[in-house]
C-alpha atoms as a PDB file:
ATOM      1  CA  MET A   1       0.351   0.191  -0.191  1.00  0.00           C
ATOM      2  CA  ALA A   2       1.108   3.680  -0.771  1.00  0.00           C
ATOM      3  CA  ARG A   3       2.767   5.672   2.188  1.00  0.00           C
ATOM      4  CA  ILE A   4       0.690   8.987   1.977  1.00  0.00           C
ATOM      5  CA  ILE A   5       2.780  12.117   3.178  1.00  0.00           C
ATOM      6  CA  ASP A   6       0.192  14.708   3.923  1.00  0.00           C
ATOM      7  CA  ILE A   7       2.450  18.298   2.659  1.00  0.00           C
ATOM      8  CA  SER A   8       0.793  20.561   5.610  1.00  0.00           C
ATOM      9  CA  TRP A   9       2.877  18.111   7.690  1.00  0.00           C
ATOM     10  CA  ASP A  10       5.808  17.234   5.752  1.00  0.00           C
ATOM     11  CA  GLY A  11       5.785  19.646   2.669  1.00  0.00           C
ATOM     12  CA  GLU A  12       9.743  18.815   2.535  1.00  0.00           C
ATOM     13  CA  VAL A  13       9.794  15.276   2.688  1.00  0.00           C
ATOM     14  CA  ALA A  14       7.204  15.137   0.047  1.00  0.00           C
ATOM     15  CA  LEU A  15       8.995  17.097  -2.082  1.00  0.00           C
ATOM     16  CA  ASN A  16      12.357  15.531  -1.727  1.00  0.00           C
ATOM     17  CA  GLU A  17      10.429  11.970  -1.758  1.00  0.00           C
ATOM     18  CA  GLY A  18       8.429  13.053  -4.323  1.00  0.00           C
ATOM     19  CA  ARG A  19      11.220  14.154  -7.150  1.00  0.00           C
ATOM     20  CA  ALA A  20      13.528  10.763  -5.786  1.00  0.00           C
ATOM     21  CA  LEU A  21      10.864   8.550  -6.862  1.00  0.00           C
ATOM     22  CA  LEU A  22      10.197  10.454  -9.982  1.00  0.00           C
ATOM     23  CA  LEU A  23      13.529  11.112 -10.972  1.00  0.00           C
ATOM     24  CA  ALA A  24      13.920   6.786 -10.530  1.00  0.00           C
ATOM     25  CA  GLY A  25      11.381   6.419 -13.119  1.00  0.00           C
ATOM     26  CA  GLU A  26       8.562   5.078 -10.512  1.00  0.00           C
ATOM     27  CA  ILE A  27       4.888   6.425 -10.728  1.00  0.00           C
ATOM     28  CA  VAL A  28       3.327   9.334  -7.492  1.00  0.00           C
ATOM     29  CA  ALA A  29       0.190  10.420  -7.199  1.00  0.00           C
ATOM     30  CA  ILE A  30       0.051  14.327  -6.859  1.00  0.00           C
ATOM     31  CA  PRO A  31      -2.233  16.676  -6.587  1.00  0.00           C
ATOM     32  CA  THR A  32      -3.229  19.719  -8.482  1.00  0.00           C
ATOM     33  CA  GLU A  33      -5.515  22.590  -8.179  1.00  0.00           C
ATOM     34  CA  THR A  34      -8.020  19.977 -10.478  1.00  0.00           C
ATOM     35  CA  VAL A  35      -7.890  16.721  -9.443  1.00  0.00           C
ATOM     36  CA  TYR A  36      -5.069  14.191  -7.926  1.00  0.00           C
ATOM     37  CA  GLY A  37      -2.937  13.335 -11.174  1.00  0.00           C
ATOM     38  CA  LEU A  38      -1.092  10.301 -11.699  1.00  0.00           C
ATOM     39  CA  ALA A  39       2.846  11.463 -12.470  1.00  0.00           C
ATOM     40  CA  ALA A  40       5.847  10.487 -14.440  1.00  0.00           C
ATOM     41  CA  ASP A  41       8.556  11.605 -15.574  1.00  0.00           C
ATOM     42  CA  ALA A  42       7.898  13.064 -18.990  1.00  0.00           C
ATOM     43  CA  THR A  43      10.773  11.911 -20.650  1.00  0.00           C
ATOM     44  CA  ASN A  44      10.929   8.838 -19.524  1.00  0.00           C
ATOM     45  CA  PRO A  45       9.389   6.032 -21.574  1.00  0.00           C
ATOM     46  CA  ASP A  46       9.915   2.920 -19.173  1.00  0.00           C
ATOM     47  CA  ALA A  47       7.386   5.386 -16.251  1.00  0.00           C
ATOM     48  CA  ILE A  48       5.129   6.549 -19.381  1.00  0.00           C
ATOM     49  CA  ALA A  49       4.284   2.401 -19.755  1.00  0.00           C
ATOM     50  CA  LYS A  50       3.975   2.314 -15.555  1.00  0.00           C
ATOM     51  CA  ILE A  51       0.535   5.105 -15.807  1.00  0.00           C
ATOM     52  CA  TYR A  52      -0.866   3.398 -18.751  1.00  0.00           C
ATOM     53  CA  ALA A  53      -0.722   0.116 -16.745  1.00  0.00           C
ATOM     54  CA  ALA A  54      -1.486   1.120 -13.142  1.00  0.00           C
ATOM     55  CA  LYS A  55      -4.417   3.050 -14.998  1.00  0.00           C
ATOM     56  CA  GLY A  56      -5.605   0.484 -17.268  1.00  0.00           C
ATOM     57  CA  ARG A  57      -5.641   2.729 -19.997  1.00  0.00           C
ATOM     58  CA  PRO A  58      -5.362   2.567 -23.380  1.00  0.00           C
ATOM     59  CA  ALA A  59      -1.910   3.370 -25.296  1.00  0.00           C
ATOM     60  CA  PHE A  60      -3.720   5.553 -27.663  1.00  0.00           C
ATOM     61  CA  ASN A  61      -5.285   8.231 -25.492  1.00  0.00           C
ATOM     62  CA  PRO A  62      -2.087  11.208 -24.992  1.00  0.00           C
ATOM     63  CA  LEU A  63      -1.376  12.334 -21.282  1.00  0.00           C
ATOM     64  CA  ILE A  64      -1.313  15.673 -20.375  1.00  0.00           C
ATOM     65  CA  CYS A  65       2.879  17.229 -19.717  1.00  0.00           C
ATOM     66  CA  HIS A  66       2.479  19.008 -16.893  1.00  0.00           C
ATOM     67  CA  MET A  67       5.333  21.901 -17.053  1.00  0.00           C
ATOM     68  CA  SER A  68       7.460  24.285 -14.191  1.00  0.00           C
ATOM     69  CA  GLY A  69       6.008  27.130 -16.450  1.00  0.00           C
ATOM     70  CA  LEU A  70       6.011  28.775 -19.246  1.00  0.00           C
ATOM     71  CA  ALA A  71       9.723  28.475 -20.204  1.00  0.00           C
ATOM     72  CA  MET A  72      10.306  24.686 -19.386  1.00  0.00           C
ATOM     73  CA  ALA A  73       6.962  24.426 -22.081  1.00  0.00           C
ATOM     74  CA  GLU A  74       8.276  25.954 -24.749  1.00  0.00           C
ATOM     75  CA  GLU A  75      11.088  23.780 -24.496  1.00  0.00           C
ATOM     76  CA  TYR A  76       8.670  20.841 -25.470  1.00  0.00           C
ATOM     77  CA  ALA A  77       5.777  22.687 -27.630  1.00  0.00           C
ATOM     78  CA  ASP A  78       5.848  25.358 -30.488  1.00  0.00           C
ATOM     79  CA  PHE A  79       3.939  28.102 -29.562  1.00  0.00           C
ATOM     80  CA  SER A  80       2.066  30.728 -32.133  1.00  0.00           C
ATOM     81  CA  PRO A  81       1.437  34.460 -30.230  1.00  0.00           C
ATOM     82  CA  LEU A  82      -2.026  33.062 -29.661  1.00  0.00           C
ATOM     83  CA  ALA A  83      -0.928  30.293 -27.313  1.00  0.00           C
ATOM     84  CA  CYS A  84       1.449  32.264 -25.868  1.00  0.00           C
ATOM     85  CA  GLN A  85      -1.024  35.236 -25.576  1.00  0.00           C
ATOM     86  CA  LEU A  86      -3.542  32.474 -23.417  1.00  0.00           C
ATOM     87  CA  ALA A  87      -0.290  31.096 -21.312  1.00  0.00           C
ATOM     88  CA  LYS A  88       0.399  34.356 -19.900  1.00  0.00           C
ATOM     89  CA  ALA A  89      -3.524  34.800 -19.147  1.00  0.00           C
ATOM     90  CA  PHE A  90      -4.123  31.453 -16.916  1.00  0.00           C
ATOM     91  CA  TRP A  91      -0.989  29.869 -15.977  1.00  0.00           C
ATOM     92  CA  PRO A  92      -0.403  28.912 -12.981  1.00  0.00           C
ATOM     93  CA  GLY A  93      -3.667  27.387 -14.026  1.00  0.00           C
ATOM     94  CA  PRO A  94      -6.374  24.632 -14.842  1.00  0.00           C
ATOM     95  CA  LEU A  95      -6.078  25.218 -18.838  1.00  0.00           C
ATOM     96  CA  THR A  96      -4.231  22.775 -20.933  1.00  0.00           C
ATOM     97  CA  LEU A  97      -3.299  23.626 -24.444  1.00  0.00           C
ATOM     98  CA  VAL A  98      -2.606  21.372 -27.107  1.00  0.00           C
ATOM     99  CA  LEU A  99      -0.003  22.915 -29.424  1.00  0.00           C
ATOM    100  CA  PRO A 100       3.147  20.855 -32.059  1.00  0.00           C
ATOM    101  CA  LEU A 101       5.843  19.303 -30.703  1.00  0.00           C
ATOM    102  CA  SER A 102       8.935  20.955 -30.700  1.00  0.00           C
ATOM    103  CA  LYS A 103      11.069  19.201 -33.552  1.00  0.00           C
ATOM    104  CA  ASP A 104      13.809  18.354 -30.730  1.00  0.00           C
ATOM    105  CA  ALA A 105      11.172  17.504 -27.989  1.00  0.00           C
ATOM    106  CA  ALA A 106      12.456  14.936 -25.647  1.00  0.00           C
ATOM    107  CA  ILE A 107       8.870  14.203 -24.868  1.00  0.00           C
ATOM    108  CA  ALA A 108       8.561   9.838 -25.010  1.00  0.00           C
ATOM    109  CA  PRO A 109       6.885   9.622 -27.970  1.00  0.00           C
ATOM    110  CA  ALA A 110       4.212   6.813 -25.469  1.00  0.00           C
ATOM    111  CA  ALA A 111       3.420  10.398 -23.842  1.00  0.00           C
ATOM    112  CA  THR A 112       1.817  12.159 -26.758  1.00  0.00           C
ATOM    113  CA  ALA A 113       0.771   8.352 -27.933  1.00  0.00           C
ATOM    114  CA  GLY A 114       3.162   9.001 -31.129  1.00  0.00           C
ATOM    115  CA  LEU A 115       1.097  12.657 -32.106  1.00  0.00           C
ATOM    116  CA  PRO A 116       2.716  15.496 -33.238  1.00  0.00           C
ATOM    117  CA  THR A 117       0.903  17.392 -30.615  1.00  0.00           C
ATOM    118  CA  VAL A 118       1.476  17.580 -26.846  1.00  0.00           C
ATOM    119  CA  GLY A 119      -0.917  18.844 -24.064  1.00  0.00           C
ATOM    120  CA  VAL A 120       1.258  21.037 -21.805  1.00  0.00           C
ATOM    121  CA  ARG A 121      -0.417  22.867 -18.758  1.00  0.00           C
ATOM    122  CA  VAL A 122       1.339  24.431 -15.665  1.00  0.00           C
ATOM    123  CA  PRO A 123      -0.147  23.526 -12.285  1.00  0.00           C
ATOM    124  CA  GLN A 124      -0.799  25.365  -9.564  1.00  0.00           C
ATOM    125  CA  GLY A 125       1.115  25.033  -5.559  1.00  0.00           C
ATOM    126  CA  PHE A 126       2.550  21.935  -5.094  1.00  0.00           C
ATOM    127  CA  ALA A 127       2.538  20.171  -8.557  1.00  0.00           C
ATOM    128  CA  GLY A 128       3.818  22.931  -9.485  1.00  0.00           C
ATOM    129  CA  ARG A 129       7.198  22.664  -7.261  1.00  0.00           C
ATOM    130  CA  LEU A 130       7.831  19.274  -7.503  1.00  0.00           C
ATOM    131  CA  ILE A 131       8.071  19.737 -11.585  1.00  0.00           C
ATOM    132  CA  ALA A 132      10.586  22.292 -10.859  1.00  0.00           C
ATOM    133  CA  GLU A 133      12.534  20.674  -7.824  1.00  0.00           C
ATOM    134  CA  THR A 134      12.455  17.911 -10.866  1.00  0.00           C
ATOM    135  CA  GLY A 135      13.600  19.451 -14.024  1.00  0.00           C
ATOM    136  CA  ARG A 136      11.402  17.551 -15.968  1.00  0.00           C
ATOM    137  CA  PRO A 137       8.415  17.585 -17.551  1.00  0.00           C
ATOM    138  CA  LEU A 138       5.760  15.836 -15.881  1.00  0.00           C
ATOM    139  CA  ALA A 139       3.024  13.541 -17.622  1.00  0.00           C
ATOM    140  CA  ALA A 140       0.244  13.066 -14.617  1.00  0.00           C
ATOM    141  CA  PRO A 141      -3.379  11.822 -15.843  1.00  0.00           C
ATOM    142  CA  SER A 142      -5.468  11.711 -12.984  1.00  0.00           C
ATOM    143  CA  ALA A 143      -4.982   9.049 -10.457  1.00  0.00           C
ATOM    144  CA  ASN A 144      -7.493   6.969 -10.922  1.00  0.00           C
ATOM    145  CA  THR A 145      -8.869   3.677 -12.941  1.00  0.00           C
ATOM    146  CA  SER A 146      -9.356   4.414 -16.242  1.00  0.00           C
ATOM    147  CA  GLY A 147     -12.932   5.027 -16.607  1.00  0.00           C
ATOM    148  CA  ARG A 148     -13.432   6.350 -12.974  1.00  0.00           C
ATOM    149  CA  ILE A 149     -14.215   9.175 -11.671  1.00  0.00           C
ATOM    150  CA  SER A 150     -11.066  11.196 -11.365  1.00  0.00           C
ATOM    151  CA  PRO A 151     -10.419  11.615  -7.427  1.00  0.00           C
ATOM    152  CA  THR A 152      -9.974  15.105  -5.621  1.00  0.00           C
ATOM    153  CA  THR A 153      -8.713  13.245  -2.658  1.00  0.00           C
ATOM    154  CA  ALA A 154      -5.834  11.595  -1.641  1.00  0.00           C
ATOM    155  CA  ALA A 155      -8.206   8.961   0.113  1.00  0.00           C
ATOM    156  CA  HIS A 156     -10.007   8.151  -3.341  1.00  0.00           C
ATOM    157  CA  VAL A 157      -6.405   7.737  -4.626  1.00  0.00           C
ATOM    158  CA  ALA A 158      -5.198   5.074  -2.139  1.00  0.00           C
ATOM    159  CA  ALA A 159      -8.709   3.576  -2.231  1.00  0.00           C
ATOM    160  CA  ASP A 160      -8.301   3.172  -6.369  1.00  0.00           C
ATOM    161  CA  LEU A 161      -4.703   2.624  -6.853  1.00  0.00           C
ATOM    162  CA  GLY A 162      -3.347   2.676  -3.601  1.00  0.00           C
ATOM    163  CA  GLU A 163      -1.783  -1.033  -3.893  1.00  0.00           C
ATOM    164  CA  LYS A 164       0.087   0.344  -7.139  1.00  0.00           C
ATOM    165  CA  LEU A 165       1.876   2.923  -5.695  1.00  0.00           C
ATOM    166  CA  GLN A 166       4.577   3.704  -3.166  1.00  0.00           C
ATOM    167  CA  LEU A 167       3.631   7.075  -2.734  1.00  0.00           C
ATOM    168  CA  ILE A 168       0.838   9.863  -2.356  1.00  0.00           C
ATOM    169  CA  VAL A 169       1.184  13.083  -2.021  1.00  0.00           C
ATOM    170  CA  ASP A 170      -1.773  14.510   0.210  1.00  0.00           C
ATOM    171  CA  ALA A 171      -2.529  18.173   0.300  1.00  0.00           C
ATOM    172  CA  GLY A 172      -6.347  17.857   0.781  1.00  0.00           C
ATOM    173  CA  ALA A 173      -9.717  18.402  -1.164  1.00  0.00           C
ATOM    174  CA  ALA A 174      -8.430  19.805  -5.038  1.00  0.00           C
ATOM    175  CA  ALA A 175      -9.537  23.361  -4.837  1.00  0.00           C
ATOM    176  CA  VAL A 176     -11.046  23.068  -8.054  1.00  0.00           C
ATOM    177  CA  GLY A 177     -12.637  19.353  -8.462  1.00  0.00           C
ATOM    178  CA  VAL A 178     -12.862  18.468 -12.265  1.00  0.00           C
ATOM    179  CA  GLU A 179     -10.145  18.247 -15.109  1.00  0.00           C
ATOM    180  CA  SER A 180      -8.628  21.567 -16.939  1.00  0.00           C
ATOM    181  CA  THR A 181      -9.926  22.654 -20.041  1.00  0.00           C
ATOM    182  CA  ILE A 182      -8.505  21.343 -23.201  1.00  0.00           C
ATOM    183  CA  LEU A 183      -7.718  24.100 -25.934  1.00  0.00           C
ATOM    184  CA  LYS A 184      -5.905  22.843 -29.391  1.00  0.00           C
ATOM    185  CA  VAL A 185      -4.046  26.024 -30.697  1.00  0.00           C
ATOM    186  CA  GLU A 186      -3.655  25.760 -34.617  1.00  0.00           C
ATOM    187  CA  SER A 187      -2.357  29.532 -35.396  1.00  0.00           C
ATOM    188  CA  ASN A 188      -4.903  32.005 -34.865  1.00  0.00           C
ATOM    189  CA  ALA A 189      -7.763  29.147 -34.034  1.00  0.00           C
ATOM    190  CA  ILE A 190      -8.855  27.595 -31.017  1.00  0.00           C
ATOM    191  CA  THR A 191     -10.355  24.918 -30.390  1.00  0.00           C
ATOM    192  CA  LEU A 192     -12.133  23.379 -27.283  1.00  0.00           C
END
């Protein structure tokens, strides 16, 4: 069963253990402002495979890659002026932008399901700090078995995936409680 670390008591411990596990290629359940995510190093193909296996998620379903900020996101995705404007207006926050994958992006192909695009988002709070600490983008779909309701508490994650994880970081109930808004940005066109 996964260890649960409450960040209100042990925030630095959660940050250090989460970083160590992620850099070792493991998956970690982390809080975001939307829902709890099942995080892995988005540049590590073996770690991405662990997300798909733990969730029972079809491999043709791409994963959102969470970034520490716009500068990191620009290393992995090509931003049009409109995409850049949206990112500056709504990040950090619950907005995912689907953009062309940068030519030399180190995102594992399995994270994008082999598509030429990547969904990028900059989360608030602990998740953003963890990404900055790892220095890597984190693929982080909802931390639940595929097809189930997305978890909004650490207890939800533990009940569903606790046997498949080493660590669940607990930050209480997710503030937003629903997944991020996803916009595909192509030149000057936006598709919800």
